Amino acid sequence: MIRTRRFRFTLDDMTEVASPHISHPRIMVLGVQPGSPPFRIVEIDGEVVGAARAVTDVLETAAAFGITVHDLDDPDVVRWVGGDRYTWKPR
């Protein structure tokens, strides 16, 4: 005999399991794309705004959109997808 359990979740149950703070940073740096040289796509506020070949390009792009970045490792400011700020070569 197989017994099954039925679970009933409410929104309150789900929010307790999930993180209470989900970061949505304005800057998103996507994974490395192959090229000569390799580059990463930069999004600001959900829109593709350019390509970066180094971390300085990310800072310059942010500044062009009026964003001052004090800490590149702060996930509330910048989200690095497919590597961190030191990842600039395809894997």
N, C-alpha and C. Protein backbone atom coordinates (compact mmCIF):
# COMPACT_ATOMS: atom_id res chain seq x y z
N MET A 1 0.83 -1.17 0.00
CA MET A 1 0.00 0.00 0.00
C MET A 1 0.89 1.25 0.00
N ILE A 2 0.62 2.18 -0.91
CA ILE A 2 1.38 3.42 -1.00
C ILE A 2 0.54 4.54 -0.41
N ARG A 3 1.14 5.23 0.50
CA ARG A 3 0.44 6.35 1.11
C ARG A 3 0.95 7.65 0.48
N THR A 4 0.08 8.51 0.20
CA THR A 4 0.48 9.82 -0.30
C THR A 4 0.00 10.87 0.67
N ARG A 5 0.72 11.93 0.69
CA ARG A 5 0.33 13.05 1.53
C ARG A 5 -0.12 14.18 0.63
N ARG A 6 -1.06 14.87 1.09
CA ARG A 6 -1.52 16.05 0.36
C ARG A 6 -1.06 17.28 1.12
N PHE A 7 -0.48 18.18 0.38
CA PHE A 7 -0.01 19.41 0.99
C PHE A 7 -0.81 20.58 0.43
N ARG A 8 -1.10 21.49 1.28
CA ARG A 8 -1.77 22.70 0.84
C ARG A 8 -0.88 23.87 1.25
N PHE A 9 -0.43 24.61 0.26
CA PHE A 9 0.43 25.75 0.52
C PHE A 9 -0.35 27.03 0.35
N THR A 10 -0.07 27.94 1.22
CA THR A 10 -0.63 29.28 1.07
C THR A 10 0.51 30.22 0.71
N LEU A 11 0.17 31.41 0.34
CA LEU A 11 1.19 32.39 0.00
C LEU A 11 2.13 32.63 1.18
N ASP A 12 1.59 32.61 2.39
CA ASP A 12 2.42 32.81 3.57
C ASP A 12 3.45 31.69 3.71
N ASP A 13 3.04 30.45 3.42
CA ASP A 13 3.96 29.33 3.49
C ASP A 13 5.10 29.50 2.50
N MET A 14 4.78 29.96 1.30
CA MET A 14 5.78 30.09 0.26
C MET A 14 6.76 31.22 0.56
N THR A 15 6.29 32.30 1.14
CA THR A 15 7.19 33.40 1.44
C THR A 15 8.13 33.06 2.58
N GLU A 16 7.72 32.17 3.46
CA GLU A 16 8.61 31.76 4.54
C GLU A 16 9.75 30.91 4.00
N VAL A 17 9.49 30.13 2.98
CA VAL A 17 10.52 29.27 2.41
C VAL A 17 11.48 30.08 1.55
N ALA A 18 10.95 31.00 0.79
CA ALA A 18 11.76 31.80 -0.12
C ALA A 18 12.50 32.87 0.67
N SER A 19 13.52 33.41 0.02
CA SER A 19 14.27 34.49 0.62
C SER A 19 13.37 35.71 0.79
N PRO A 20 13.44 36.39 1.92
CA PRO A 20 12.58 37.55 2.12
C PRO A 20 12.99 38.74 1.26
N HIS A 21 14.21 38.72 0.73
CA HIS A 21 14.70 39.83 -0.10
C HIS A 21 15.25 39.28 -1.40
N ILE A 22 14.60 39.61 -2.49
CA ILE A 22 15.10 39.19 -3.80
C ILE A 22 15.64 40.44 -4.47
N SER A 23 16.91 40.40 -4.77
CA SER A 23 17.58 41.54 -5.34
C SER A 23 17.26 41.68 -6.83
N HIS A 24 16.96 42.89 -7.25
CA HIS A 24 16.77 43.21 -8.66
C HIS A 24 17.68 44.39 -8.98
N PRO A 25 18.97 44.12 -9.16
CA PRO A 25 19.89 45.22 -9.41
C PRO A 25 19.62 45.87 -10.76
N ARG A 26 19.98 47.13 -10.87
CA ARG A 26 19.79 47.85 -12.13
C ARG A 26 20.75 47.36 -13.20
N ILE A 27 21.92 46.88 -12.80
CA ILE A 27 22.94 46.45 -13.76
C ILE A 27 23.05 44.94 -13.77
N MET A 28 23.00 44.36 -14.97
CA MET A 28 23.18 42.91 -15.12
C MET A 28 24.26 42.71 -16.18
N VAL A 29 25.27 41.93 -15.82
CA VAL A 29 26.35 41.61 -16.75
C VAL A 29 26.23 40.13 -17.08
N LEU A 30 25.89 39.85 -18.34
CA LEU A 30 25.65 38.47 -18.75
C LEU A 30 26.94 37.72 -19.01
N GLY A 31 26.84 36.42 -19.25
CA GLY A 31 28.00 35.55 -19.43
C GLY A 31 28.86 35.95 -20.62
N VAL A 32 30.09 35.46 -20.60
CA VAL A 32 31.07 35.78 -21.64
C VAL A 32 30.65 35.19 -22.98
N GLN A 33 30.72 36.02 -24.00
CA GLN A 33 30.43 35.62 -25.36
C GLN A 33 31.74 35.48 -26.13
N PRO A 34 31.85 34.44 -26.97
CA PRO A 34 33.09 34.30 -27.73
C PRO A 34 33.21 35.42 -28.75
N GLY A 35 34.39 35.87 -28.92
CA GLY A 35 34.66 36.95 -29.87
C GLY A 35 36.14 37.26 -29.83
N SER A 36 36.53 38.22 -30.61
CA SER A 36 37.93 38.61 -30.60
C SER A 36 38.00 40.11 -30.32
N PRO A 37 38.11 40.55 -29.11
CA PRO A 37 38.21 39.78 -27.87
C PRO A 37 36.82 39.36 -27.35
N PRO A 38 36.79 38.42 -26.39
CA PRO A 38 35.52 38.02 -25.79
C PRO A 38 34.86 39.22 -25.11
N PHE A 39 33.55 39.17 -24.96
CA PHE A 39 32.82 40.29 -24.36
C PHE A 39 31.64 39.77 -23.55
N ARG A 40 31.07 40.66 -22.78
CA ARG A 40 29.87 40.36 -21.99
C ARG A 40 28.83 41.43 -22.28
N ILE A 41 27.59 41.00 -22.44
CA ILE A 41 26.48 41.92 -22.67
C ILE A 41 26.12 42.60 -21.35
N VAL A 42 25.87 43.89 -21.40
CA VAL A 42 25.48 44.66 -20.21
C VAL A 42 24.04 45.12 -20.39
N GLU A 43 23.23 44.86 -19.37
CA GLU A 43 21.85 45.33 -19.33
C GLU A 43 21.71 46.31 -18.17
N ILE A 44 20.95 47.36 -18.42
CA ILE A 44 20.60 48.30 -17.36
C ILE A 44 19.09 48.45 -17.37
N ASP A 45 18.49 48.26 -16.22
CA ASP A 45 17.04 48.32 -16.07
C ASP A 45 16.34 47.40 -17.06
N GLY A 46 16.93 46.24 -17.33
CA GLY A 46 16.31 45.23 -18.18
C GLY A 46 16.50 45.42 -19.67
N GLU A 47 17.24 46.44 -20.06
CA GLU A 47 17.48 46.69 -21.49
C GLU A 47 18.96 46.51 -21.81
N VAL A 48 19.24 45.88 -22.95
CA VAL A 48 20.62 45.73 -23.40
C VAL A 48 21.13 47.10 -23.80
N VAL A 49 22.27 47.49 -23.20
CA VAL A 49 22.81 48.82 -23.46
C VAL A 49 24.20 48.79 -24.08
N GLY A 50 24.83 47.63 -24.10
CA GLY A 50 26.15 47.56 -24.71
C GLY A 50 26.88 46.28 -24.39
N ALA A 51 28.14 46.27 -24.82
CA ALA A 51 29.02 45.13 -24.58
C ALA A 51 30.22 45.63 -23.79
N ALA A 52 30.70 44.78 -22.90
CA ALA A 52 31.87 45.12 -22.09
C ALA A 52 32.97 44.10 -22.35
N ARG A 53 34.18 44.58 -22.49
CA ARG A 53 35.33 43.71 -22.68
C ARG A 53 36.23 43.68 -21.44
N ALA A 54 35.87 44.54 -20.48
CA ALA A 54 36.59 44.61 -19.20
C ALA A 54 35.67 45.26 -18.17
N VAL A 55 36.04 45.12 -16.92
CA VAL A 55 35.22 45.67 -15.84
C VAL A 55 35.12 47.19 -15.96
N THR A 56 36.13 47.83 -16.51
CA THR A 56 36.06 49.28 -16.67
C THR A 56 34.95 49.68 -17.64
N ASP A 57 34.68 48.83 -18.64
CA ASP A 57 33.58 49.11 -19.56
C ASP A 57 32.24 49.08 -18.83
N VAL A 58 32.10 48.18 -17.87
CA VAL A 58 30.87 48.11 -17.07
C VAL A 58 30.70 49.40 -16.28
N LEU A 59 31.76 49.87 -15.66
CA LEU A 59 31.71 51.10 -14.87
C LEU A 59 31.40 52.31 -15.75
N GLU A 60 32.01 52.38 -16.93
CA GLU A 60 31.77 53.49 -17.84
C GLU A 60 30.33 53.48 -18.35
N THR A 61 29.81 52.30 -18.65
CA THR A 61 28.42 52.19 -19.12
C THR A 61 27.46 52.62 -18.02
N ALA A 62 27.72 52.16 -16.80
CA ALA A 62 26.87 52.56 -15.68
C ALA A 62 26.89 54.07 -15.50
N ALA A 63 28.07 54.67 -15.56
CA ALA A 63 28.20 56.12 -15.40
C ALA A 63 27.44 56.86 -16.50
N ALA A 64 27.46 56.33 -17.71
CA ALA A 64 26.74 56.96 -18.82
C ALA A 64 25.24 56.98 -18.57
N PHE A 65 24.74 56.06 -17.75
CA PHE A 65 23.33 56.01 -17.40
C PHE A 65 23.06 56.62 -16.02
N GLY A 66 24.04 57.33 -15.49
CA GLY A 66 23.86 58.03 -14.22
C GLY A 66 23.94 57.16 -12.99
N ILE A 67 24.57 56.00 -13.12
CA ILE A 67 24.68 55.08 -11.99
C ILE A 67 26.13 55.07 -11.51
N THR A 68 26.31 55.38 -10.24
CA THR A 68 27.64 55.31 -9.63
C THR A 68 27.75 53.98 -8.90
N VAL A 69 28.77 53.21 -9.24
CA VAL A 69 28.97 51.90 -8.62
C VAL A 69 30.11 52.03 -7.63
N HIS A 70 29.80 51.78 -6.35
CA HIS A 70 30.82 51.84 -5.31
C HIS A 70 31.38 50.46 -4.99
N ASP A 71 30.58 49.42 -5.21
CA ASP A 71 31.00 48.06 -4.88
C ASP A 71 30.52 47.10 -5.96
N LEU A 72 31.43 46.62 -6.79
CA LEU A 72 31.08 45.70 -7.88
C LEU A 72 30.65 44.33 -7.38
N ASP A 73 30.90 44.03 -6.13
CA ASP A 73 30.52 42.73 -5.56
C ASP A 73 29.19 42.79 -4.80
N ASP A 74 28.54 43.94 -4.80
CA ASP A 74 27.26 44.08 -4.11
C ASP A 74 26.15 43.58 -5.04
N PRO A 75 25.49 42.46 -4.69
CA PRO A 75 24.46 41.92 -5.57
C PRO A 75 23.23 42.81 -5.70
N ASP A 76 23.08 43.80 -4.84
CA ASP A 76 21.98 44.75 -4.98
C ASP A 76 22.28 45.81 -6.03
N VAL A 77 23.54 45.88 -6.46
CA VAL A 77 23.96 46.88 -7.44
C VAL A 77 24.21 46.23 -8.81
N VAL A 78 25.01 45.15 -8.81
CA VAL A 78 25.38 44.47 -10.06
C VAL A 78 25.16 42.98 -9.91
N ARG A 79 24.51 42.38 -10.90
CA ARG A 79 24.40 40.92 -10.92
C ARG A 79 25.30 40.42 -12.05
N TRP A 80 26.23 39.54 -11.67
CA TRP A 80 27.15 38.92 -12.62
C TRP A 80 26.62 37.54 -12.96
N VAL A 81 26.31 37.30 -14.21
CA VAL A 81 25.76 36.02 -14.67
C VAL A 81 26.86 35.27 -15.42
N GLY A 82 27.07 34.01 -15.06
CA GLY A 82 28.07 33.21 -15.76
C GLY A 82 29.50 33.55 -15.38
N GLY A 83 29.69 33.99 -14.17
CA GLY A 83 31.03 34.33 -13.69
C GLY A 83 30.98 35.63 -12.92
N ASP A 84 32.09 35.96 -12.30
CA ASP A 84 32.15 37.19 -11.51
C ASP A 84 32.85 38.28 -12.30
N ARG A 85 33.23 39.34 -11.62
CA ARG A 85 33.85 40.47 -12.31
C ARG A 85 35.24 40.16 -12.86
N TYR A 86 35.79 39.02 -12.50
CA TYR A 86 37.10 38.60 -13.00
C TYR A 86 37.00 37.66 -14.20
N THR A 87 35.78 37.31 -14.59
CA THR A 87 35.58 36.33 -15.67
C THR A 87 35.37 37.07 -16.99
N TRP A 88 36.38 37.00 -17.88
CA TRP A 88 36.31 37.68 -19.16
C TRP A 88 36.74 36.79 -20.31
N LYS A 89 36.91 35.50 -20.05
CA LYS A 89 37.24 34.54 -21.11
C LYS A 89 36.19 33.45 -21.12
N PRO A 90 35.81 32.95 -22.32
CA PRO A 90 34.82 31.86 -22.37
C PRO A 90 35.36 30.62 -21.65
N ARG A 91 34.45 29.87 -21.08
CA ARG A 91 34.87 28.66 -20.35
C ARG A 91 34.99 27.51 -21.29
